[in-house]
């Protein structure tokens, strides 16, 4: 029975921050403050990571939006080609002919 009480005492005294052998409200407040500080550190890490990811997602959405606008423009060019209109855009490069010696 004595061993059980020693284990219980040891378990409670692990919260004894000032190591005076007595568990009091100061020890509990310190334990709570330490837990809050640890939680705040974790929250800050998650917040920073989330902000970074949101920024990257915004960049990708902008890229997709720009590509979608380009596809819409190209689609109207296809409709024009079906109707027989001339090609719009940058003219094709002329091929250079090389002479053999």
Protein backbone atom coordinates (compact mmCIF):
# COMPACT_ATOMS: atom_id res chain seq x y z
CA UNK A 1 0.00 0.00 0.00
CA UNK A 2 2.89 2.33 0.74
CA UNK A 3 4.24 1.92 -2.82
CA UNK A 4 0.91 2.97 -4.29
CA UNK A 5 0.88 6.20 -2.25
CA UNK A 6 4.47 6.90 -3.25
CA UNK A 7 3.51 6.52 -6.92
CA UNK A 8 0.51 8.81 -6.49
CA UNK A 9 2.63 11.38 -4.65
CA UNK A 10 5.33 11.21 -7.33
CA UNK A 11 2.73 11.70 -10.05
CA UNK A 12 1.30 14.82 -8.39
CA UNK A 13 4.71 16.21 -7.49
CA UNK A 14 5.82 16.20 -11.08
CA UNK A 15 3.74 19.38 -11.32
CA UNK A 16 5.74 20.88 -8.43
CA UNK A 17 7.62 23.56 -10.38
CA UNK A 18 9.44 25.19 -7.49
CA UNK A 19 10.47 21.78 -6.07
CA UNK A 20 9.44 22.57 -2.52
CA UNK A 21 7.61 19.27 -2.08
CA UNK A 22 4.20 20.92 -1.92
CA UNK A 23 1.79 21.28 -4.78
CA UNK A 24 0.06 24.65 -4.52
CA UNK A 25 -1.75 27.17 -6.74
CA UNK A 26 1.52 28.78 -7.90
CA UNK A 27 2.67 25.44 -9.28
CA UNK A 28 -0.66 24.93 -11.04
CA UNK A 29 -0.56 28.44 -12.53
CA UNK A 30 2.95 27.80 -13.84
CA UNK A 31 1.85 24.50 -15.36
CA UNK A 32 -1.10 26.19 -17.05
CA UNK A 33 1.08 29.03 -18.34
CA UNK A 34 3.58 26.52 -19.77
CA UNK A 35 0.77 24.63 -21.50
CA UNK A 36 -0.64 27.88 -22.92
CA UNK A 37 2.79 28.92 -24.20
CA UNK A 38 3.28 25.55 -25.89
CA UNK A 39 -0.17 25.77 -27.48
CA UNK A 40 0.50 29.32 -28.70
CA UNK A 41 3.76 28.20 -30.31
CA UNK A 42 1.95 25.41 -32.15
CA UNK A 43 -0.83 27.77 -33.24
CA UNK A 44 1.74 30.26 -34.57
CA UNK A 45 3.45 27.53 -36.61
CA UNK A 46 0.13 26.40 -38.09
CA UNK A 47 -0.86 30.01 -38.82
CA UNK A 48 2.40 30.67 -40.66
CA UNK A 49 2.10 27.48 -42.71
CA UNK A 50 -1.53 28.24 -43.57
CA UNK A 51 -0.65 31.74 -44.75
CA UNK A 52 2.10 30.33 -46.96
CA UNK A 53 -0.25 27.78 -48.49
CA UNK A 54 -2.99 30.35 -49.10
CA UNK A 55 -0.50 32.56 -50.92
CA UNK A 56 0.56 29.66 -53.16
CA UNK A 57 -3.05 28.71 -53.89
CA UNK A 58 -3.81 32.31 -54.89
CA UNK A 59 -0.86 32.26 -57.30
CA UNK A 60 -2.03 29.01 -58.87
CA UNK A 61 -5.63 30.21 -59.20
CA UNK A 62 -4.38 33.35 -60.95
CA UNK A 63 -2.33 31.21 -63.34
CA UNK A 64 -5.34 29.01 -64.08
CA UNK A 65 -7.53 32.06 -64.63
CA UNK A 66 -5.02 33.55 -67.08
CA UNK A 67 -4.78 30.24 -68.94
CA UNK A 68 -8.57 30.00 -69.09
CA UNK A 69 -8.81 33.48 -70.60
CA UNK A 70 -6.22 32.49 -73.21
CA UNK A 71 -8.22 29.37 -74.06
CA UNK A 72 -11.32 31.52 -74.57
CA UNK A 73 -9.39 33.76 -76.92
CA UNK A 74 -8.06 30.78 -78.86
CA UNK A 75 -11.56 29.30 -79.09
CA UNK A 76 -12.80 32.43 -80.84
CA UNK A 77 -9.88 32.08 -83.28
CA UNK A 78 -11.05 28.54 -84.10
CA UNK A 79 -14.54 29.82 -84.84
CA UNK A 80 -13.02 32.42 -87.16
CA UNK A 81 -10.97 29.77 -88.94
CA UNK A 82 -14.11 27.71 -89.52
CA UNK A 83 -15.76 30.75 -91.07
CA UNK A 84 -12.77 31.16 -93.38
CA UNK A 85 -11.15 34.24 -91.83
CA UNK A 86 -7.39 34.71 -92.03
CA UNK A 87 -5.15 33.67 -89.15
CA UNK A 88 -4.69 36.25 -86.41
CA UNK A 89 -1.67 36.58 -84.21
CA UNK A 90 2.02 36.47 -84.85
CA UNK A 91 2.93 35.69 -88.46
CA UNK A 92 4.79 32.45 -89.13
CA UNK A 93 8.54 32.69 -89.63
CA UNK A 94 9.81 32.29 -93.15
CA UNK A 95 12.03 29.28 -93.73
CA UNK A 96 15.51 30.08 -94.97
CA UNK A 97 16.79 28.11 -97.90
CA UNK A 98 20.39 27.10 -97.83
CA UNK A 99 22.36 26.67 -101.01
CA UNK A 100 24.64 23.69 -101.36
CA UNK A 101 28.15 24.32 -102.58
